[in-house]
N, C-alpha and C. Protein backbone atom coordinates (compact mmCIF):
# COMPACT_ATOMS: atom_id res chain seq x y z
N MET A 1 -4.72 -62.46 -3.62
CA MET A 1 -3.54 -62.11 -4.05
C MET A 1 -3.94 -60.74 -4.66
N LEU A 2 -4.90 -60.52 -5.47
CA LEU A 2 -5.50 -59.37 -6.10
C LEU A 2 -5.65 -58.27 -5.11
N PHE A 3 -6.15 -58.49 -4.00
CA PHE A 3 -6.39 -57.43 -2.99
C PHE A 3 -5.02 -57.15 -2.43
N ALA A 4 -4.05 -57.97 -2.34
CA ALA A 4 -2.73 -57.80 -1.72
C ALA A 4 -2.08 -56.63 -3.00
N ALA A 5 -2.04 -56.88 -4.19
CA ALA A 5 -1.67 -56.24 -5.09
C ALA A 5 -2.36 -54.57 -5.17
N PHE A 6 -3.52 -54.74 -4.92
CA PHE A 6 -4.22 -53.40 -4.68
C PHE A 6 -3.84 -52.56 -3.66
N ARG A 7 -3.62 -52.98 -2.40
CA ARG A 7 -3.40 -52.60 -1.35
C ARG A 7 -1.68 -51.91 -1.53
N ARG A 8 -0.98 -52.76 -2.29
CA ARG A 8 0.46 -52.42 -2.43
C ARG A 8 0.46 -51.28 -3.47
N THR A 9 -0.40 -51.12 -4.37
CA THR A 9 -0.43 -49.84 -5.30
C THR A 9 -1.18 -48.74 -4.49
N ASP A 10 -2.11 -48.86 -3.64
CA ASP A 10 -2.77 -47.96 -2.69
C ASP A 10 -1.61 -47.33 -1.89
N LEU A 11 -0.61 -47.91 -1.55
CA LEU A 11 0.27 -47.79 -0.55
C LEU A 11 1.49 -47.02 -1.38
N ASN A 12 1.66 -47.20 -2.48
CA ASN A 12 2.72 -46.74 -3.44
C ASN A 12 2.06 -45.47 -3.76
N GLU A 13 0.86 -45.32 -3.97
CA GLU A 13 0.26 -43.90 -4.39
C GLU A 13 0.26 -43.06 -3.01
N MET A 14 -0.12 -43.61 -2.08
CA MET A 14 0.07 -42.80 -0.77
C MET A 14 1.47 -42.13 -0.57
N LYS A 15 2.20 -43.17 -0.88
CA LYS A 15 3.58 -42.67 -0.52
C LYS A 15 4.24 -41.53 -1.71
N ARG A 16 3.87 -41.64 -2.81
CA ARG A 16 3.95 -40.63 -3.78
C ARG A 16 3.38 -39.05 -3.27
N LEU A 17 2.17 -39.41 -2.89
CA LEU A 17 1.25 -38.18 -2.50
C LEU A 17 2.14 -37.49 -1.32
N LEU A 18 2.57 -38.29 -0.40
CA LEU A 18 3.24 -37.85 0.68
C LEU A 18 4.54 -37.15 0.47
N ILE A 19 5.21 -37.63 -0.69
CA ILE A 19 6.44 -37.13 -1.06
C ILE A 19 6.02 -35.95 -1.81
N LEU A 20 4.94 -35.74 -2.64
CA LEU A 20 4.69 -34.63 -3.43
C LEU A 20 4.20 -33.43 -2.20
N LEU A 21 3.61 -33.70 -1.35
CA LEU A 21 3.06 -32.82 -0.20
C LEU A 21 4.10 -32.59 0.72
N SER A 22 5.24 -33.04 0.98
CA SER A 22 6.55 -32.67 1.60
C SER A 22 7.52 -32.04 0.89
N LEU A 23 7.43 -32.26 -0.53
CA LEU A 23 8.14 -31.39 -1.40
C LEU A 23 7.40 -29.96 -1.52
N ALA A 24 6.05 -29.87 -1.69
CA ALA A 24 5.55 -28.57 -1.82
C ALA A 24 5.67 -27.92 -0.35
N LEU A 25 5.53 -28.55 0.51
CA LEU A 25 5.77 -27.89 2.10
C LEU A 25 7.23 -27.29 1.98
N CYS A 26 8.14 -27.92 1.72
CA CYS A 26 9.54 -27.54 1.74
C CYS A 26 9.61 -26.19 0.55
N ALA A 27 8.97 -26.33 -0.36
CA ALA A 27 8.85 -25.25 -1.37
C ALA A 27 8.18 -23.85 -0.68
N VAL A 28 7.14 -24.12 0.00
CA VAL A 28 6.48 -23.13 0.55
C VAL A 28 7.31 -22.48 1.84
N THR A 29 7.88 -23.26 2.78
CA THR A 29 8.86 -22.83 3.65
C THR A 29 10.12 -22.53 3.21
N ALA A 30 10.48 -22.65 2.04
CA ALA A 30 11.57 -21.97 1.58
C ALA A 30 11.29 -20.56 1.01
N ALA A 31 10.13 -20.63 0.54
CA ALA A 31 9.47 -19.27 -0.10
C ALA A 31 9.32 -18.10 1.15
N GLN A 32 8.99 -18.60 2.20
CA GLN A 32 8.70 -17.72 3.50
C GLN A 32 9.92 -17.47 4.08
N ALA A 33 11.04 -18.29 3.91
CA ALA A 33 12.09 -18.20 4.80
C ALA A 33 13.10 -17.26 3.87
N GLN A 34 12.75 -16.14 3.07
CA GLN A 34 13.37 -15.29 2.24
C GLN A 34 14.21 -14.37 3.21
N ASP A 35 15.41 -13.97 2.59
CA ASP A 35 16.10 -12.92 2.99
C ASP A 35 16.38 -11.90 2.03
N LEU A 36 16.12 -10.68 2.41
CA LEU A 36 16.35 -9.69 1.44
C LEU A 36 17.24 -8.48 1.87
N SER A 37 18.17 -8.04 0.90
CA SER A 37 18.98 -6.90 1.30
C SER A 37 18.90 -5.78 -0.08
N CYS A 38 18.73 -4.74 0.39
CA CYS A 38 18.96 -3.67 -0.92
C CYS A 38 19.00 -2.36 -0.61
N THR A 39 18.91 -1.33 -1.51
CA THR A 39 19.09 0.02 -1.03
C THR A 39 17.63 0.34 -1.27
N PHE A 40 17.49 1.59 -0.92
CA PHE A 40 16.04 2.27 -1.24
C PHE A 40 16.30 3.80 -1.05
N THR A 41 15.12 4.33 -1.90
CA THR A 41 15.26 5.86 -1.87
C THR A 41 13.83 6.03 -1.36
N GLN A 42 13.49 7.33 -0.56
CA GLN A 42 12.08 7.71 -0.35
C GLN A 42 11.72 9.05 -0.46
N LYS A 43 10.55 9.13 -0.75
CA LYS A 43 10.30 10.72 -1.11
C LYS A 43 8.75 10.76 -0.36
N LYS A 44 8.95 11.45 0.76
CA LYS A 44 7.81 11.79 1.78
C LYS A 44 7.45 12.98 1.29
N THR A 45 6.13 13.20 1.02
CA THR A 45 5.33 14.33 0.70
C THR A 45 4.34 14.65 1.57
N LEU A 46 4.55 15.92 2.09
CA LEU A 46 3.39 16.46 3.33
C LEU A 46 2.48 17.34 2.14
N LYS A 47 1.45 16.67 1.95
CA LYS A 47 0.41 17.49 1.02
C LYS A 47 -0.07 18.42 1.24
N ALA A 48 -0.34 19.00 2.61
CA ALA A 48 -0.81 20.30 3.45
C ALA A 48 0.15 21.18 3.15
N VAL A 49 1.17 21.20 3.30
CA VAL A 49 2.44 22.14 2.82
C VAL A 49 3.04 22.07 1.75
N ASN A 50 2.76 21.09 0.91
CA ASN A 50 3.45 20.68 -0.53
C ASN A 50 5.05 20.84 -0.02
N LYS A 51 5.58 19.96 0.93
CA LYS A 51 6.78 19.68 1.00
C LYS A 51 7.28 18.21 0.69
N VAL A 52 8.19 18.20 0.18
CA VAL A 52 8.78 16.88 -0.03
C VAL A 52 10.16 16.69 0.55
N ILE A 53 10.31 15.31 1.43
CA ILE A 53 11.37 15.17 2.14
C ILE A 53 12.18 14.08 1.65
N PRO A 54 13.16 13.95 1.24
CA PRO A 54 13.66 12.98 0.48
C PRO A 54 14.66 12.03 1.44
N GLY A 55 15.00 10.81 1.31
CA GLY A 55 15.67 9.91 1.97
C GLY A 55 16.20 8.70 1.23
N SER A 56 17.13 8.09 2.00
CA SER A 56 17.60 6.80 1.27
C SER A 56 18.36 6.07 2.37
N GLY A 57 18.79 4.84 2.10
CA GLY A 57 19.30 4.02 3.17
C GLY A 57 19.34 2.51 2.61
N THR A 58 19.54 1.59 3.52
CA THR A 58 19.36 -0.02 3.33
C THR A 58 18.44 -0.29 3.91
N VAL A 59 17.97 -1.48 3.26
CA VAL A 59 16.64 -2.43 3.94
C VAL A 59 17.32 -4.04 3.99
N THR A 60 17.05 -4.42 5.11
CA THR A 60 17.49 -5.80 5.29
C THR A 60 16.37 -6.45 6.05
N PHE A 61 15.92 -7.64 5.57
CA PHE A 61 14.49 -8.31 5.85
C PHE A 61 14.98 -9.84 5.81
N THR A 62 14.63 -10.49 7.32
CA THR A 62 14.88 -12.05 7.37
C THR A 62 13.61 -12.42 7.97
N ALA A 63 12.98 -13.30 7.10
CA ALA A 63 11.71 -13.67 7.50
C ALA A 63 11.82 -14.66 8.84
N PRO A 64 10.84 -14.59 9.62
CA PRO A 64 9.39 -14.02 9.12
C PRO A 64 9.25 -12.50 9.77
N ASP A 65 10.11 -12.19 10.58
CA ASP A 65 9.78 -10.80 11.09
C ASP A 65 10.85 -9.95 11.37
N HIS A 66 11.94 -10.02 10.75
CA HIS A 66 13.14 -8.89 11.20
C HIS A 66 13.34 -8.14 9.76
N LEU A 67 13.31 -6.74 10.21
CA LEU A 67 13.24 -5.89 9.03
C LEU A 67 13.87 -4.59 9.81
N SER A 68 14.93 -4.30 8.80
CA SER A 68 15.62 -3.25 9.21
C SER A 68 15.74 -2.20 8.21
N MET A 69 15.35 -0.77 8.15
CA MET A 69 15.57 -0.03 7.30
C MET A 69 16.51 1.16 8.03
N ILE A 70 17.59 1.47 7.51
CA ILE A 70 18.69 2.22 8.15
C ILE A 70 18.93 3.42 7.03
N TYR A 71 18.60 4.30 7.57
CA TYR A 71 18.63 5.69 6.82
C TYR A 71 20.35 6.26 6.60
N ASP A 72 20.53 6.56 5.42
CA ASP A 72 21.78 7.45 5.16
C ASP A 72 21.55 8.77 5.06
N GLU A 73 20.17 8.90 4.57
CA GLU A 73 19.68 10.47 4.67
C GLU A 73 18.28 10.31 4.99
N PRO A 74 17.59 10.82 6.03
CA PRO A 74 18.40 11.89 7.07
C PRO A 74 19.07 10.65 7.78
N LYS A 75 20.51 11.21 7.85
CA LYS A 75 21.60 10.17 9.08
C LYS A 75 20.89 10.11 10.46
N GLY A 76 21.08 8.77 10.63
CA GLY A 76 20.63 8.18 12.21
C GLY A 76 19.13 7.81 12.07
N GLU A 77 18.31 8.13 11.05
CA GLU A 77 17.03 7.52 11.41
C GLU A 77 16.78 6.20 10.97
N TYR A 78 15.88 5.42 11.60
CA TYR A 78 15.82 3.88 11.31
C TYR A 78 14.61 3.60 11.76
N LEU A 79 14.00 2.37 11.11
CA LEU A 79 12.78 1.76 11.34
C LEU A 79 13.61 0.00 11.68
N ILE A 80 13.17 -0.33 12.53
CA ILE A 80 13.74 -1.72 12.88
C ILE A 80 12.30 -2.45 13.41
N ILE A 81 12.32 -3.69 12.99
CA ILE A 81 11.32 -4.58 13.58
C ILE A 81 12.02 -5.85 13.97
N GLU A 82 11.75 -6.12 15.00
CA GLU A 82 12.74 -7.34 15.61
C GLU A 82 11.52 -8.24 16.39
N GLY A 83 10.89 -9.26 15.66
CA GLY A 83 9.53 -9.85 16.20
C GLY A 83 8.54 -8.74 16.53
N MET A 84 8.15 -8.95 17.83
CA MET A 84 7.09 -7.84 18.35
C MET A 84 7.42 -6.52 18.45
N GLN A 85 8.79 -6.34 18.51
CA GLN A 85 9.54 -5.16 19.07
C GLN A 85 9.77 -4.12 17.46
N LEU A 86 9.20 -2.90 17.93
CA LEU A 86 9.17 -1.94 16.54
C LEU A 86 10.19 -0.82 17.34
N LYS A 87 11.16 -0.56 16.89
CA LYS A 87 11.97 0.77 17.01
C LYS A 87 12.14 1.59 15.83
N ASN A 88 12.15 2.93 16.32
CA ASN A 88 12.05 4.01 15.30
C ASN A 88 12.86 5.19 15.84
N ALA A 89 13.62 5.77 14.84
CA ALA A 89 14.16 7.11 15.19
C ALA A 89 13.81 8.22 14.02
N VAL A 90 13.23 9.30 14.26
CA VAL A 90 12.99 10.27 13.44
C VAL A 90 13.53 11.65 14.18
N LYS A 91 14.23 12.58 13.29
CA LYS A 91 14.58 13.97 13.92
C LYS A 91 15.23 13.51 15.26
N GLY A 92 16.20 12.58 15.53
CA GLY A 92 16.64 12.59 16.61
C GLY A 92 16.10 11.72 17.68
N LYS A 93 14.91 11.58 17.66
CA LYS A 93 13.78 11.15 18.81
C LYS A 93 13.63 9.60 18.29
N ALA A 94 14.11 8.92 19.19
CA ALA A 94 14.04 7.21 19.16
C ALA A 94 12.91 6.63 20.10
N ILE A 95 12.31 5.74 19.53
CA ILE A 95 11.00 5.01 20.63
C ILE A 95 11.19 3.27 20.15
N THR A 96 10.73 2.73 21.19
CA THR A 96 10.62 1.22 21.30
C THR A 96 9.33 0.83 21.61
N VAL A 97 8.70 0.14 20.56
CA VAL A 97 7.39 -0.28 21.02
C VAL A 97 7.22 -1.68 21.14
N ASP A 98 6.37 -2.22 22.04
CA ASP A 98 6.09 -3.68 22.22
C ASP A 98 4.77 -3.78 21.42
N THR A 99 4.79 -4.15 20.02
CA THR A 99 3.46 -3.97 19.30
C THR A 99 2.53 -5.22 19.53
N SER A 100 2.84 -5.80 20.79
CA SER A 100 1.85 -6.98 21.19
C SER A 100 0.77 -6.15 22.05
N LYS A 101 1.27 -5.14 22.52
CA LYS A 101 0.59 -4.16 23.21
C LYS A 101 -0.05 -2.75 22.81
N ASN A 102 0.08 -2.75 21.70
CA ASN A 102 -0.11 -1.38 20.97
C ASN A 102 -0.74 -1.94 19.53
N ALA A 103 -1.91 -1.75 19.15
CA ALA A 103 -2.70 -2.27 18.18
C ALA A 103 -2.24 -1.34 16.92
N TYR A 104 -2.27 -0.07 17.15
CA TYR A 104 -2.01 0.98 15.77
C TYR A 104 -0.68 0.30 15.43
N MET A 105 0.56 0.32 16.28
CA MET A 105 1.66 0.02 15.90
C MET A 105 1.88 -1.59 15.62
N ARG A 106 1.08 -2.41 15.86
CA ARG A 106 1.30 -3.78 15.46
C ARG A 106 0.54 -3.80 14.06
N ASN A 107 -0.39 -2.81 13.74
CA ASN A 107 -0.95 -3.13 12.42
C ASN A 107 0.19 -2.54 11.41
N LEU A 108 0.75 -1.21 11.77
CA LEU A 108 2.11 -0.90 11.04
C LEU A 108 2.94 -2.00 10.55
N ARG A 109 3.28 -2.61 11.91
CA ARG A 109 4.32 -3.79 11.88
C ARG A 109 3.88 -4.83 11.05
N ASN A 110 2.62 -5.22 11.10
CA ASN A 110 2.22 -6.37 10.27
C ASN A 110 1.81 -5.92 8.84
N THR A 111 1.49 -4.66 8.50
CA THR A 111 1.40 -4.08 7.13
C THR A 111 2.71 -4.17 6.49
N LEU A 112 3.71 -3.58 6.93
CA LEU A 112 5.04 -3.71 6.43
C LEU A 112 5.37 -5.02 6.27
N LEU A 113 5.32 -5.88 7.01
CA LEU A 113 5.94 -7.24 6.81
C LEU A 113 5.35 -8.11 5.71
N ASN A 114 3.88 -7.99 5.83
CA ASN A 114 2.94 -8.63 4.73
C ASN A 114 3.21 -8.12 3.31
N CYS A 115 3.45 -6.79 3.45
CA CYS A 115 3.87 -5.94 2.13
C CYS A 115 4.91 -6.64 1.24
N ILE A 116 6.00 -6.58 2.17
CA ILE A 116 7.20 -6.78 1.72
C ILE A 116 7.38 -8.52 1.28
N THR A 117 6.74 -9.47 1.98
CA THR A 117 6.58 -10.85 1.78
C THR A 117 5.62 -11.09 0.75
N GLY A 118 4.70 -10.26 0.08
CA GLY A 118 3.99 -10.41 -1.06
C GLY A 118 2.70 -11.08 -0.31
N ASN A 119 2.51 -10.81 1.05
CA ASN A 119 1.16 -11.30 1.56
C ASN A 119 0.05 -10.34 1.71
N TYR A 120 -0.21 -9.83 0.55
CA TYR A 120 -1.17 -8.54 0.40
C TYR A 120 -2.44 -9.00 1.00
N GLU A 121 -2.79 -10.02 0.72
CA GLU A 121 -4.35 -10.29 1.03
C GLU A 121 -4.52 -10.07 2.80
N ALA A 122 -3.40 -10.40 3.33
CA ALA A 122 -3.44 -10.42 4.99
C ALA A 122 -3.35 -8.82 5.27
N ALA A 123 -2.71 -7.86 4.35
CA ALA A 123 -2.63 -6.63 4.71
C ALA A 123 -3.69 -5.89 4.34
N ALA A 124 -4.46 -6.43 3.17
CA ALA A 124 -5.72 -5.60 3.09
C ALA A 124 -7.04 -6.14 4.06
N LYS A 125 -6.75 -7.24 4.48
CA LYS A 125 -7.86 -7.56 5.45
C LYS A 125 -7.45 -6.88 6.91
N ASP A 126 -6.12 -6.83 7.32
CA ASP A 126 -5.62 -5.95 8.64
C ASP A 126 -6.00 -4.38 8.33
N ASN A 127 -6.18 -3.79 7.18
CA ASN A 127 -6.66 -2.54 6.91
C ASN A 127 -7.86 -2.22 6.61
N ASP A 128 -8.80 -3.26 6.59
CA ASP A 128 -9.92 -3.25 6.13
C ASP A 128 -10.08 -2.45 4.72
N ALA A 129 -9.11 -2.84 3.71
CA ALA A 129 -8.99 -2.21 2.35
C ALA A 129 -9.43 -3.58 1.30
N ASN A 130 -10.13 -2.70 0.19
CA ASN A 130 -10.28 -3.46 -0.90
C ASN A 130 -8.92 -3.77 -1.44
N LEU A 131 -8.93 -4.78 -2.17
CA LEU A 131 -7.66 -5.34 -3.02
C LEU A 131 -7.66 -5.24 -4.60
N VAL A 132 -6.87 -4.46 -5.31
CA VAL A 132 -6.86 -4.66 -6.53
C VAL A 132 -5.55 -5.36 -7.24
N VAL A 133 -5.61 -6.32 -7.80
CA VAL A 133 -4.26 -6.71 -8.29
C VAL A 133 -4.19 -6.81 -9.82
N GLU A 134 -2.86 -6.19 -10.49
CA GLU A 134 -3.03 -5.75 -11.74
C GLU A 134 -1.70 -6.59 -12.27
N GLU A 135 -1.32 -6.84 -13.47
CA GLU A 135 0.03 -7.23 -13.89
C GLU A 135 0.25 -6.66 -15.27
N LYS A 136 1.14 -5.90 -15.48
CA LYS A 136 1.68 -5.42 -16.81
C LYS A 136 3.03 -5.28 -16.93
N SER A 137 3.80 -5.71 -18.11
CA SER A 137 5.17 -5.78 -18.32
C SER A 137 6.02 -6.28 -17.22
N GLY A 138 5.47 -7.60 -16.83
CA GLY A 138 6.29 -8.16 -15.58
C GLY A 138 6.33 -7.55 -14.36
N ILE A 139 5.63 -6.74 -14.32
CA ILE A 139 5.28 -5.86 -12.75
C ILE A 139 3.81 -6.15 -12.41
N LYS A 140 3.80 -6.78 -11.20
CA LYS A 140 2.51 -7.01 -10.66
C LYS A 140 2.44 -5.60 -9.40
N THR A 141 1.25 -5.00 -9.65
CA THR A 141 0.88 -4.23 -8.96
C THR A 141 -0.30 -4.26 -8.14
N VAL A 142 -0.17 -4.17 -6.70
CA VAL A 142 -1.22 -4.46 -5.77
C VAL A 142 -1.88 -3.31 -5.06
N THR A 143 -2.85 -2.75 -5.19
CA THR A 143 -3.33 -1.48 -4.65
C THR A 143 -4.39 -2.09 -3.52
N LEU A 144 -4.16 -1.36 -2.20
CA LEU A 144 -5.16 -1.68 -1.20
C LEU A 144 -5.89 -0.49 -0.85
N LEU A 145 -7.05 -0.36 -0.95
CA LEU A 145 -7.73 1.05 -0.89
C LEU A 145 -8.50 0.98 0.49
N ALA A 146 -8.68 1.73 1.38
CA ALA A 146 -9.27 1.67 2.42
C ALA A 146 -10.78 1.70 2.29
N ARG A 147 -11.64 1.03 2.95
CA ARG A 147 -12.93 0.86 2.99
C ARG A 147 -13.83 2.04 3.53
N LYS A 148 -13.41 2.66 4.58
CA LYS A 148 -13.93 3.54 5.23
C LYS A 148 -12.62 4.58 5.60
N GLN A 149 -13.05 5.96 5.64
CA GLN A 149 -12.21 6.95 6.21
C GLN A 149 -11.87 6.79 7.48
N ALA A 150 -10.69 7.17 7.86
CA ALA A 150 -10.40 7.00 9.40
C ALA A 150 -9.34 8.18 10.00
N VAL A 151 -9.16 8.41 11.16
CA VAL A 151 -8.11 9.28 11.61
C VAL A 151 -6.80 9.09 11.19
N LYS A 152 -6.35 8.04 11.40
CA LYS A 152 -4.91 7.60 11.22
C LYS A 152 -4.87 6.20 10.48
N GLY A 153 -3.98 5.90 10.04
CA GLY A 153 -3.92 4.76 9.16
C GLY A 153 -3.64 5.01 7.56
N TYR A 154 -3.78 3.97 6.96
CA TYR A 154 -3.53 4.28 5.51
C TYR A 154 -4.74 4.27 4.58
N SER A 155 -4.94 5.27 3.88
CA SER A 155 -6.16 5.35 2.88
C SER A 155 -5.88 4.70 1.61
N ARG A 156 -4.28 4.31 1.31
CA ARG A 156 -4.22 3.59 0.11
C ARG A 156 -2.81 3.01 0.20
N ILE A 157 -2.55 1.96 -0.05
CA ILE A 157 -1.32 1.37 -0.15
C ILE A 157 -0.92 0.66 -1.45
N VAL A 158 0.04 1.01 -2.17
CA VAL A 158 0.27 0.47 -3.52
C VAL A 158 1.95 -0.07 -3.54
N MET A 159 1.81 -1.45 -4.15
CA MET A 159 3.06 -2.21 -3.93
C MET A 159 3.23 -2.57 -5.25
N ASP A 160 4.50 -2.43 -6.00
CA ASP A 160 5.02 -3.11 -7.30
C ASP A 160 5.81 -4.10 -6.87
N TYR A 161 5.67 -5.21 -7.30
CA TYR A 161 6.65 -6.67 -7.41
C TYR A 161 6.99 -6.84 -8.65
N ASN A 162 8.46 -7.22 -8.79
CA ASN A 162 9.07 -7.63 -9.99
C ASN A 162 8.79 -9.25 -10.50
N ARG A 163 9.29 -9.79 -11.29
CA ARG A 163 8.87 -11.14 -11.87
C ARG A 163 9.30 -11.83 -10.80
N GLU A 164 10.50 -11.69 -9.96
CA GLU A 164 10.80 -12.67 -9.03
C GLU A 164 9.90 -12.54 -7.77
N GLY A 165 8.97 -11.64 -7.86
CA GLY A 165 8.03 -11.28 -6.64
C GLY A 165 8.84 -10.48 -5.48
N LEU A 166 9.73 -9.65 -5.87
CA LEU A 166 10.45 -8.63 -4.89
C LEU A 166 9.67 -7.64 -4.82
N PRO A 167 9.55 -7.03 -3.76
CA PRO A 167 8.98 -5.46 -4.10
C PRO A 167 9.86 -4.62 -4.31
N VAL A 168 9.59 -3.86 -5.55
CA VAL A 168 10.39 -2.69 -6.16
C VAL A 168 9.66 -1.23 -5.68
N ARG A 169 8.65 -1.14 -5.11
CA ARG A 169 8.29 0.10 -4.97
C ARG A 169 6.92 -0.13 -4.14
N MET A 170 6.86 0.92 -3.10
CA MET A 170 6.16 0.69 -2.01
C MET A 170 5.21 2.50 -1.99
N VAL A 171 3.99 2.60 -1.84
CA VAL A 171 3.64 3.73 -1.74
C VAL A 171 2.49 3.85 -0.44
N LEU A 172 2.70 4.43 0.40
CA LEU A 172 1.87 4.34 1.52
C LEU A 172 1.12 6.05 1.74
N ASP A 173 -0.16 6.06 1.60
CA ASP A 173 -0.89 7.23 1.80
C ASP A 173 -1.56 7.22 3.00
N GLU A 174 -1.34 8.00 3.83
CA GLU A 174 -1.98 8.12 5.34
C GLU A 174 -3.34 9.00 4.97
N PHE A 175 -4.31 8.75 6.13
CA PHE A 175 -5.39 9.92 6.01
C PHE A 175 -5.13 11.06 6.70
N THR A 176 -3.92 11.13 7.03
CA THR A 176 -3.31 12.70 7.53
C THR A 176 -2.87 13.44 6.18
N GLY A 177 -2.63 12.86 5.22
CA GLY A 177 -2.22 13.64 4.06
C GLY A 177 -0.86 13.41 3.96
N ILE A 178 -0.34 12.55 4.14
CA ILE A 178 1.19 12.29 4.23
C ILE A 178 1.50 11.10 3.23
N GLU A 179 2.24 11.20 2.06
CA GLU A 179 2.47 10.13 1.23
C GLU A 179 3.80 9.91 1.18
N THR A 180 4.19 8.49 1.12
CA THR A 180 5.48 8.13 1.37
C THR A 180 6.12 7.10 0.34
N GLU A 181 6.78 7.65 -0.60
CA GLU A 181 7.01 6.27 -1.78
C GLU A 181 8.33 6.12 -1.50
N TYR A 182 8.45 4.71 -1.68
CA TYR A 182 9.85 3.80 -1.17
C TYR A 182 10.09 3.08 -2.68
N THR A 183 11.55 3.27 -3.27
CA THR A 183 11.92 2.75 -4.26
C THR A 183 13.03 1.77 -3.84
N PHE A 184 12.85 0.35 -4.40
CA PHE A 184 13.75 -0.28 -3.69
C PHE A 184 14.86 -1.08 -4.91
N LYS A 185 16.18 -1.09 -4.62
CA LYS A 185 17.10 -1.39 -5.59
C LYS A 185 17.79 -2.72 -5.22
N TYR A 186 17.93 -3.84 -6.16
CA TYR A 186 18.43 -4.90 -5.51
C TYR A 186 19.86 -5.30 -6.39
């Protein structure tokens, strides 16, 4: 009889544990199944010639891997990620790349998606970068610093996230001397 009561207690504890795990899994799934929509401003700086190129538009993100940045200025430009496909138009020239077949573009795709979703540990690993996380006045600042010099890619990435974990600013410093800063407004 005592053994039966013990088994019933263990079974009840196991049920509670399974319910808690299920709730936690649902919470993680809900956090990953985020949809974002906002406007952005861009400031692209070509350091070699000290030229600043402004931009603005709208961003839409649907987890896990659909991102569209449609520019109002410069008109007609865009960056669209749909699964493994990346589409980009700059200065009237459009390209479509299957990122599963292009390592450089796959890294770009993964870095953008990971930074937007707050998965900066994966972005740091993908970019062979050191990671620094600081929090001040409700803003979490995440900095990825490349461990080695390279011909292309990012020497530094800075992401600011608000209290809700939404990206509000992203700075991409390329080894080529181009710095692009995005500011997001929800």
